[in-house]
């Protein structure tokens, strides 16, 4: 499991289990998540599937990669509409 997935799971589980956390703890985890995404983007891989599949459909998808580190395939699966 990638560090990005681990941090994402921790934040998700904390929120959905109503775990008592401070704002500082949440902000700390979000900061770690942002850094982990940055490190993966620098290696030109996907934060989710870990593949080097970095052909993007358009400029918006390229911008999303810089934010989330998701390749085009993972973006399509994550943001699919109406399904």
PDB file of N, CA and C in Angstrom:
ATOM      1  N   UNK A   1       0.848  -1.176   0.000  1.00  0.00           N
ATOM      2  CA  UNK A   1       0.000   0.000   0.000  1.00  0.00           C
ATOM      3  C   UNK A   1       0.892   1.237   0.000  1.00  0.00           C
ATOM      4  N   UNK A   2       0.585   2.163  -0.895  1.00  0.00           N
ATOM      5  CA  UNK A   2       1.379   3.380  -0.975  1.00  0.00           C
ATOM      6  C   UNK A   2       1.104   4.267   0.238  1.00  0.00           C
ATOM      7  N   UNK A   3       2.026   5.174   0.489  1.00  0.00           N
ATOM      8  CA  UNK A   3       1.858   6.118   1.587  1.00  0.00           C
ATOM      9  C   UNK A   3       0.615   6.982   1.359  1.00  0.00           C
ATOM     10  N   UNK A   4       0.353   7.329   0.100  1.00  0.00           N
ATOM     11  CA  UNK A   4      -0.830   8.135  -0.226  1.00  0.00           C
ATOM     12  C   UNK A   4      -2.094   7.374   0.151  1.00  0.00           C
ATOM     13  N   UNK A   5      -2.176   6.102  -0.217  1.00  0.00           N
ATOM     14  CA  UNK A   5      -3.351   5.299   0.114  1.00  0.00           C
ATOM     15  C   UNK A   5      -3.488   5.147   1.627  1.00  0.00           C
ATOM     16  N   UNK A   6      -2.380   4.930   2.303  1.00  0.00           N
ATOM     17  CA  UNK A   6      -2.412   4.761   3.757  1.00  0.00           C
ATOM     18  C   UNK A   6      -2.939   6.021   4.440  1.00  0.00           C
ATOM     19  N   UNK A   7      -2.416   7.179   4.062  1.00  0.00           N
ATOM     20  CA  UNK A   7      -2.873   8.435   4.660  1.00  0.00           C
ATOM     21  C   UNK A   7      -4.333   8.705   4.313  1.00  0.00           C
ATOM     22  N   UNK A   8      -4.705   8.419   3.075  1.00  0.00           N
ATOM     23  CA  UNK A   8      -6.091   8.593   2.661  1.00  0.00           C
ATOM     24  C   UNK A   8      -7.013   7.705   3.505  1.00  0.00           C
ATOM     25  N   UNK A   9      -6.626   6.454   3.693  1.00  0.00           N
ATOM     26  CA  UNK A   9      -7.427   5.529   4.493  1.00  0.00           C
ATOM     27  C   UNK A   9      -7.542   5.999   5.947  1.00  0.00           C
ATOM     28  N   UNK A  10      -6.439   6.487   6.506  1.00  0.00           N
ATOM     29  CA  UNK A  10      -6.462   6.972   7.884  1.00  0.00           C
ATOM     30  C   UNK A  10      -7.417   8.154   8.039  1.00  0.00           C
ATOM     31  N   UNK A  11      -7.356   9.087   7.112  1.00  0.00           N
ATOM     32  CA  UNK A  11      -8.258  10.239   7.164  1.00  0.00           C
ATOM     33  C   UNK A  11      -9.708   9.807   6.978  1.00  0.00           C
ATOM     34  N   UNK A  12      -9.953   8.934   6.035  1.00  0.00           N
ATOM     35  CA  UNK A  12     -11.304   8.433   5.761  1.00  0.00           C
ATOM     36  C   UNK A  12     -11.863   7.707   6.982  1.00  0.00           C
ATOM     37  N   UNK A  13     -11.072   6.780   7.524  1.00  0.00           N
ATOM     38  CA  UNK A  13     -11.525   5.996   8.677  1.00  0.00           C
ATOM     39  C   UNK A  13     -11.777   6.878   9.892  1.00  0.00           C
ATOM     40  N   UNK A  14     -10.906   7.837  10.119  1.00  0.00           N
ATOM     41  CA  UNK A  14     -11.066   8.752  11.248  1.00  0.00           C
ATOM     42  C   UNK A  14     -12.363   9.530  11.131  1.00  0.00           C
ATOM     43  N   UNK A  15     -12.645  10.014   9.936  1.00  0.00           N
ATOM     44  CA  UNK A  15     -13.862  10.794   9.709  1.00  0.00           C
ATOM     45  C   UNK A  15     -15.108   9.933   9.871  1.00  0.00           C
ATOM     46  N   UNK A  16     -15.128   8.776   9.242  1.00  0.00           N
ATOM     47  CA  UNK A  16     -16.326   7.939   9.228  1.00  0.00           C
ATOM     48  C   UNK A  16     -16.562   7.166  10.523  1.00  0.00           C
ATOM     49  N   UNK A  17     -15.548   7.059  11.355  1.00  0.00           N
ATOM     50  CA  UNK A  17     -15.746   6.389  12.641  1.00  0.00           C
ATOM     51  C   UNK A  17     -15.951   7.408  13.759  1.00  0.00           C
ATOM     52  N   UNK A  18     -16.025   8.677  13.379  1.00  0.00           N
ATOM     53  CA  UNK A  18     -16.210   9.764  14.350  1.00  0.00           C
ATOM     54  C   UNK A  18     -15.131   9.781  15.428  1.00  0.00           C
ATOM     55  N   UNK A  19     -13.926   9.408  15.048  1.00  0.00           N
ATOM     56  CA  UNK A  19     -12.800   9.433  15.959  1.00  0.00           C
ATOM     57  C   UNK A  19     -12.518  10.879  16.357  1.00  0.00           C
ATOM     58  N   UNK A  20     -12.314  11.080  17.642  1.00  0.00           N
ATOM     59  CA  UNK A  20     -12.023  12.426  18.124  1.00  0.00           C
ATOM     60  C   UNK A  20     -10.602  12.794  17.712  1.00  0.00           C
ATOM     61  N   UNK A  21     -10.496  13.829  16.919  1.00  0.00           N
ATOM     62  CA  UNK A  21      -9.199  14.334  16.495  1.00  0.00           C
ATOM     63  C   UNK A  21      -9.215  15.849  16.575  1.00  0.00           C
ATOM     64  N   UNK A  22      -8.057  16.414  16.722  1.00  0.00           N
ATOM     65  CA  UNK A  22      -7.959  17.871  16.755  1.00  0.00           C
ATOM     66  C   UNK A  22      -7.773  18.382  15.332  1.00  0.00           C
ATOM     67  N   UNK A  23      -8.026  19.652  15.159  1.00  0.00           N
ATOM     68  CA  UNK A  23      -7.790  20.273  13.855  1.00  0.00           C
ATOM     69  C   UNK A  23      -6.325  20.127  13.467  1.00  0.00           C
ATOM     70  N   UNK A  24      -5.445  20.245  14.439  1.00  0.00           N
ATOM     71  CA  UNK A  24      -4.014  20.134  14.160  1.00  0.00           C
ATOM     72  C   UNK A  24      -3.658  18.742  13.636  1.00  0.00           C
ATOM     73  N   UNK A  25      -4.286  17.709  14.209  1.00  0.00           N
ATOM     74  CA  UNK A  25      -4.018  16.346  13.737  1.00  0.00           C
ATOM     75  C   UNK A  25      -4.484  16.165  12.301  1.00  0.00           C
ATOM     76  N   UNK A  26      -5.668  16.673  11.999  1.00  0.00           N
ATOM     77  CA  UNK A  26      -6.198  16.563  10.637  1.00  0.00           C
ATOM     78  C   UNK A  26      -5.322  17.348   9.667  1.00  0.00           C
ATOM     79  N   UNK A  27      -4.978  18.570  10.039  1.00  0.00           N
ATOM     80  CA  UNK A  27      -4.123  19.387   9.172  1.00  0.00           C
ATOM     81  C   UNK A  27      -2.759  18.739   8.987  1.00  0.00           C
ATOM     82  N   UNK A  28      -2.240  18.111  10.028  1.00  0.00           N
ATOM     83  CA  UNK A  28      -0.957  17.410   9.925  1.00  0.00           C
ATOM     84  C   UNK A  28      -1.037  16.266   8.924  1.00  0.00           C
ATOM     85  N   UNK A  29      -2.112  15.474   9.004  1.00  0.00           N
ATOM     86  CA  UNK A  29      -2.300  14.361   8.058  1.00  0.00           C
ATOM     87  C   UNK A  29      -2.469  14.876   6.631  1.00  0.00           C
ATOM     88  N   UNK A  30      -3.228  15.963   6.473  1.00  0.00           N
ATOM     89  CA  UNK A  30      -3.406  16.542   5.133  1.00  0.00           C
ATOM     90  C   UNK A  30      -2.078  17.055   4.586  1.00  0.00           C
ATOM     91  N   UNK A  31      -1.257  17.632   5.437  1.00  0.00           N
ATOM     92  CA  UNK A  31       0.075  18.080   5.019  1.00  0.00           C
ATOM     93  C   UNK A  31       0.943  16.917   4.585  1.00  0.00           C
ATOM     94  N   UNK A  32       0.877  15.824   5.338  1.00  0.00           N
ATOM     95  CA  UNK A  32       1.629  14.619   4.972  1.00  0.00           C
ATOM     96  C   UNK A  32       1.121  14.058   3.645  1.00  0.00           C
ATOM     97  N   UNK A  33      -0.196  14.073   3.463  1.00  0.00           N
ATOM     98  CA  UNK A  33      -0.786  13.582   2.226  1.00  0.00           C
ATOM     99  C   UNK A  33      -0.326  14.425   1.044  1.00  0.00           C
ATOM    100  N   UNK A  34      -0.343  15.735   1.204  1.00  0.00           N
ATOM    101  CA  UNK A  34       0.100  16.636   0.133  1.00  0.00           C
ATOM    102  C   UNK A  34       1.566  16.366  -0.222  1.00  0.00           C
ATOM    103  N   UNK A  35       2.404  16.172   0.772  1.00  0.00           N
ATOM    104  CA  UNK A  35       3.823  15.893   0.528  1.00  0.00           C
ATOM    105  C   UNK A  35       4.010  14.549  -0.163  1.00  0.00           C
ATOM    106  N   UNK A  36       3.253  13.546   0.265  1.00  0.00           N
ATOM    107  CA  UNK A  36       3.355  12.214  -0.350  1.00  0.00           C
ATOM    108  C   UNK A  36       2.934  12.266  -1.817  1.00  0.00           C
ATOM    109  N   UNK A  37       1.869  13.020  -2.123  1.00  0.00           N
ATOM    110  CA  UNK A  37       1.428  13.166  -3.514  1.00  0.00           C
ATOM    111  C   UNK A  37       2.519  13.865  -4.326  1.00  0.00           C
ATOM    112  N   UNK A  38       3.097  14.902  -3.768  1.00  0.00           N
ATOM    113  CA  UNK A  38       4.161  15.643  -4.458  1.00  0.00           C
ATOM    114  C   UNK A  38       5.333  14.717  -4.802  1.00  0.00           C
ATOM    115  N   UNK A  39       5.705  13.861  -3.866  1.00  0.00           N
ATOM    116  CA  UNK A  39       6.823  12.943  -4.092  1.00  0.00           C
ATOM    117  C   UNK A  39       6.507  11.951  -5.212  1.00  0.00           C
ATOM    118  N   UNK A  40       5.274  11.460  -5.261  1.00  0.00           N
ATOM    119  CA  UNK A  40       4.891  10.521  -6.315  1.00  0.00           C
ATOM    120  C   UNK A  40       4.842  11.225  -7.666  1.00  0.00           C
ATOM    121  N   UNK A  41       4.300  12.428  -7.709  1.00  0.00           N
ATOM    122  CA  UNK A  41       4.224  13.192  -8.961  1.00  0.00           C
ATOM    123  C   UNK A  41       5.634  13.432  -9.509  1.00  0.00           C
ATOM    124  N   UNK A  42       6.586  13.681  -8.622  1.00  0.00           N
ATOM    125  CA  UNK A  42       7.968  13.902  -9.063  1.00  0.00           C
ATOM    126  C   UNK A  42       8.569  12.661  -9.724  1.00  0.00           C
ATOM    127  N   UNK A  43       8.025  11.483  -9.427  1.00  0.00           N
ATOM    128  CA  UNK A  43       8.531  10.246 -10.037  1.00  0.00           C
ATOM    129  C   UNK A  43       7.724   9.863 -11.279  1.00  0.00           C
ATOM    130  N   UNK A  44       6.747  10.713 -11.643  1.00  0.00           N
ATOM    131  CA  UNK A  44       5.908  10.490 -12.829  1.00  0.00           C
ATOM    132  C   UNK A  44       5.153   9.168 -12.786  1.00  0.00           C
ATOM    133  N   UNK A  45       4.619   8.846 -11.624  1.00  0.00           N
ATOM    134  CA  UNK A  45       3.776   7.671 -11.481  1.00  0.00           C
ATOM    135  C   UNK A  45       2.439   8.089 -10.886  1.00  0.00           C
ATOM    136  N   UNK A  46       1.513   7.157 -10.830  1.00  0.00           N
ATOM    137  CA  UNK A  46       0.176   7.406 -10.286  1.00  0.00           C
ATOM    138  C   UNK A  46       0.171   7.115  -8.787  1.00  0.00           C
ATOM    139  N   UNK A  47      -0.451   7.977  -8.022  1.00  0.00           N
ATOM    140  CA  UNK A  47      -0.524   7.778  -6.574  1.00  0.00           C
ATOM    141  C   UNK A  47      -1.416   6.607  -6.200  1.00  0.00           C
ATOM    142  N   UNK A  48      -2.283   6.198  -7.091  1.00  0.00           N
ATOM    143  CA  UNK A  48      -3.254   5.159  -6.750  1.00  0.00           C
ATOM    144  C   UNK A  48      -2.862   3.796  -7.313  1.00  0.00           C
ATOM    145  N   UNK A  49      -2.666   3.709  -8.635  1.00  0.00           N
ATOM    146  CA  UNK A  49      -2.347   2.405  -9.245  1.00  0.00           C
ATOM    147  C   UNK A  49      -0.845   2.166  -9.329  1.00  0.00           C
ATOM    148  N   UNK A  50      -0.061   3.196  -9.121  1.00  0.00           N
ATOM    149  CA  UNK A  50       1.407   3.139  -9.112  1.00  0.00           C
ATOM    150  C   UNK A  50       2.027   2.868 -10.477  1.00  0.00           C
ATOM    151  N   UNK A  51       1.230   2.951 -11.530  1.00  0.00           N
ATOM    152  CA  UNK A  51       1.749   2.722 -12.875  1.00  0.00           C
ATOM    153  C   UNK A  51       2.280   4.026 -13.469  1.00  0.00           C
ATOM    154  N   UNK A  52       3.116   3.877 -14.456  1.00  0.00           N
ATOM    155  CA  UNK A  52       3.622   5.015 -15.210  1.00  0.00           C
ATOM    156  C   UNK A  52       2.744   5.196 -16.442  1.00  0.00           C
ATOM    157  N   UNK A  53       1.526   5.597 -16.211  1.00  0.00           N
ATOM    158  CA  UNK A  53       0.540   5.745 -17.283  1.00  0.00           C
ATOM    159  C   UNK A  53       0.158   7.219 -17.345  1.00  0.00           C
ATOM    160  N   UNK A  54       1.012   8.031 -17.916  1.00  0.00           N
ATOM    161  CA  UNK A  54       0.838   9.471 -17.797  1.00  0.00           C
ATOM    162  C   UNK A  54       0.513  10.168 -19.111  1.00  0.00           C
ATOM    163  N   UNK A  55      -0.385   9.593 -19.861  1.00  0.00           N
ATOM    164  CA  UNK A  55      -0.915  10.253 -21.044  1.00  0.00           C
ATOM    165  C   UNK A  55      -2.264  10.826 -20.644  1.00  0.00           C
ATOM    166  N   UNK A  56      -2.430  12.123 -20.851  1.00  0.00           N
ATOM    167  CA  UNK A  56      -3.658  12.778 -20.403  1.00  0.00           C
ATOM    168  C   UNK A  56      -4.496  13.255 -21.573  1.00  0.00           C
ATOM    169  N   UNK A  57      -5.792  13.229 -21.370  1.00  0.00           N
ATOM    170  CA  UNK A  57      -6.765  13.591 -22.392  1.00  0.00           C
ATOM    171  C   UNK A  57      -6.719  15.084 -22.723  1.00  0.00           C
ATOM    172  N   UNK A  58      -6.500  15.912 -21.702  1.00  0.00           N
ATOM    173  CA  UNK A  58      -6.551  17.364 -21.905  1.00  0.00           C
ATOM    174  C   UNK A  58      -5.786  18.076 -20.793  1.00  0.00           C
ATOM    175  N   UNK A  59      -5.733  19.385 -20.896  1.00  0.00           N
ATOM    176  CA  UNK A  59      -4.989  20.197 -19.932  1.00  0.00           C
ATOM    177  C   UNK A  59      -5.590  20.088 -18.525  1.00  0.00           C
ATOM    178  N   UNK A  60      -6.911  20.001 -18.449  1.00  0.00           N
ATOM    179  CA  UNK A  60      -7.566  19.860 -17.153  1.00  0.00           C
ATOM    180  C   UNK A  60      -7.129  18.582 -16.441  1.00  0.00           C
ATOM    181  N   UNK A  61      -7.006  17.507 -17.199  1.00  0.00           N
ATOM    182  CA  UNK A  61      -6.557  16.238 -16.618  1.00  0.00           C
ATOM    183  C   UNK A  61      -5.098  16.325 -16.165  1.00  0.00           C
ATOM    184  N   UNK A  62      -4.286  17.038 -16.917  1.00  0.00           N
ATOM    185  CA  UNK A  62      -2.890  17.246 -16.513  1.00  0.00           C
ATOM    186  C   UNK A  62      -2.815  18.044 -15.215  1.00  0.00           C
ATOM    187  N   UNK A  63      -3.670  19.058 -15.106  1.00  0.00           N
ATOM    188  CA  UNK A  63      -3.727  19.868 -13.882  1.00  0.00           C
ATOM    189  C   UNK A  63      -4.179  19.018 -12.700  1.00  0.00           C
ATOM    190  N   UNK A  64      -5.184  18.174 -12.925  1.00  0.00           N
ATOM    191  CA  UNK A  64      -5.659  17.279 -11.859  1.00  0.00           C
ATOM    192  C   UNK A  64      -4.542  16.360 -11.396  1.00  0.00           C
ATOM    193  N   UNK A  65      -3.710  15.894 -12.316  1.00  0.00           N
ATOM    194  CA  UNK A  65      -2.584  15.040 -11.940  1.00  0.00           C
ATOM    195  C   UNK A  65      -1.656  15.775 -10.975  1.00  0.00           C
ATOM    196  N   UNK A  66      -1.414  17.051 -11.217  1.00  0.00           N
ATOM    197  CA  UNK A  66      -0.548  17.828 -10.339  1.00  0.00           C
ATOM    198  C   UNK A  66      -1.148  17.966  -8.936  1.00  0.00           C
ATOM    199  N   UNK A  67      -2.470  17.921  -8.843  1.00  0.00           N
ATOM    200  CA  UNK A  67      -3.152  18.058  -7.553  1.00  0.00           C
ATOM    201  C   UNK A  67      -3.252  16.710  -6.833  1.00  0.00           C
ATOM    202  N   UNK A  68      -3.701  15.693  -7.555  1.00  0.00           N
ATOM    203  CA  UNK A  68      -4.023  14.414  -6.912  1.00  0.00           C
ATOM    204  C   UNK A  68      -3.007  13.315  -7.186  1.00  0.00           C
ATOM    205  N   UNK A  69      -2.251  13.453  -8.272  1.00  0.00           N
ATOM    206  CA  UNK A  69      -1.319  12.404  -8.656  1.00  0.00           C
ATOM    207  C   UNK A  69      -1.987  11.231  -9.336  1.00  0.00           C
ATOM    208  N   UNK A  70      -3.261  11.393  -9.735  1.00  0.00           N
ATOM    209  CA  UNK A  70      -3.992  10.311 -10.392  1.00  0.00           C
ATOM    210  C   UNK A  70      -3.735  10.331 -11.897  1.00  0.00           C
ATOM    211  N   UNK A  71      -3.410   9.159 -12.455  1.00  0.00           N
ATOM    212  CA  UNK A  71      -3.251   9.040 -13.905  1.00  0.00           C
ATOM    213  C   UNK A  71      -4.618   9.188 -14.571  1.00  0.00           C
ATOM    214  N   UNK A  72      -4.659   9.234 -15.895  1.00  0.00           N
ATOM    215  CA  UNK A  72      -5.924   9.427 -16.608  1.00  0.00           C
ATOM    216  C   UNK A  72      -6.915   8.298 -16.302  1.00  0.00           C
ATOM    217  N   UNK A  73      -6.440   7.074 -16.277  1.00  0.00           N
ATOM    218  CA  UNK A  73      -7.322   5.940 -15.996  1.00  0.00           C
ATOM    219  C   UNK A  73      -7.934   6.059 -14.603  1.00  0.00           C
ATOM    220  N   UNK A  74      -7.127   6.372 -13.608  1.00  0.00           N
ATOM    221  CA  UNK A  74      -7.634   6.499 -12.237  1.00  0.00           C
ATOM    222  C   UNK A  74      -8.533   7.722 -12.094  1.00  0.00           C
ATOM    223  N   UNK A  75      -8.230   8.801 -12.812  1.00  0.00           N
ATOM    224  CA  UNK A  75      -9.126   9.958 -12.810  1.00  0.00           C
ATOM    225  C   UNK A  75     -10.481   9.567 -13.372  1.00  0.00           C
ATOM    226  N   UNK A  76     -10.471   8.846 -14.490  1.00  0.00           N
ATOM    227  CA  UNK A  76     -11.733   8.433 -15.109  1.00  0.00           C
ATOM    228  C   UNK A  76     -12.544   7.559 -14.158  1.00  0.00           C
ATOM    229  N   UNK A  77     -11.893   6.644 -13.454  1.00  0.00           N
ATOM    230  CA  UNK A  77     -12.592   5.775 -12.512  1.00  0.00           C
ATOM    231  C   UNK A  77     -13.091   6.543 -11.295  1.00  0.00           C
ATOM    232  N   UNK A  78     -12.319   7.508 -10.844  1.00  0.00           N
ATOM    233  CA  UNK A  78     -12.668   8.275  -9.653  1.00  0.00           C
ATOM    234  C   UNK A  78     -13.764   9.283  -9.909  1.00  0.00           C
ATOM    235  N   UNK A  79     -13.692   9.951 -11.050  1.00  0.00           N
ATOM    236  CA  UNK A  79     -14.605  11.070 -11.319  1.00  0.00           C
ATOM    237  C   UNK A  79     -15.689  10.745 -12.336  1.00  0.00           C
ATOM    238  N   UNK A  80     -15.910   9.472 -12.625  1.00  0.00           N
ATOM    239  CA  UNK A  80     -16.946   9.126 -13.613  1.00  0.00           C
ATOM    240  C   UNK A  80     -18.292   9.702 -13.169  1.00  0.00           C
ATOM    241  N   UNK A  81     -19.054  10.114 -14.141  1.00  0.00           N
ATOM    242  CA  UNK A  81     -20.305  10.804 -13.860  1.00  0.00           C
ATOM    243  C   UNK A  81     -21.494   9.927 -14.193  1.00  0.00           C
ATOM    244  N   UNK A  82     -22.472   9.932 -13.300  1.00  0.00           N
ATOM    245  CA  UNK A  82     -23.751   9.296 -13.564  1.00  0.00           C
ATOM    246  C   UNK A  82     -23.772   7.795 -13.606  1.00  0.00           C
ATOM    247  N   UNK A  83     -22.717   7.158 -13.147  1.00  0.00           N
ATOM    248  CA  UNK A  83     -22.704   5.693 -13.197  1.00  0.00           C
ATOM    249  C   UNK A  83     -22.908   5.133 -11.810  1.00  0.00           C
TER     250      UNK A  83
END
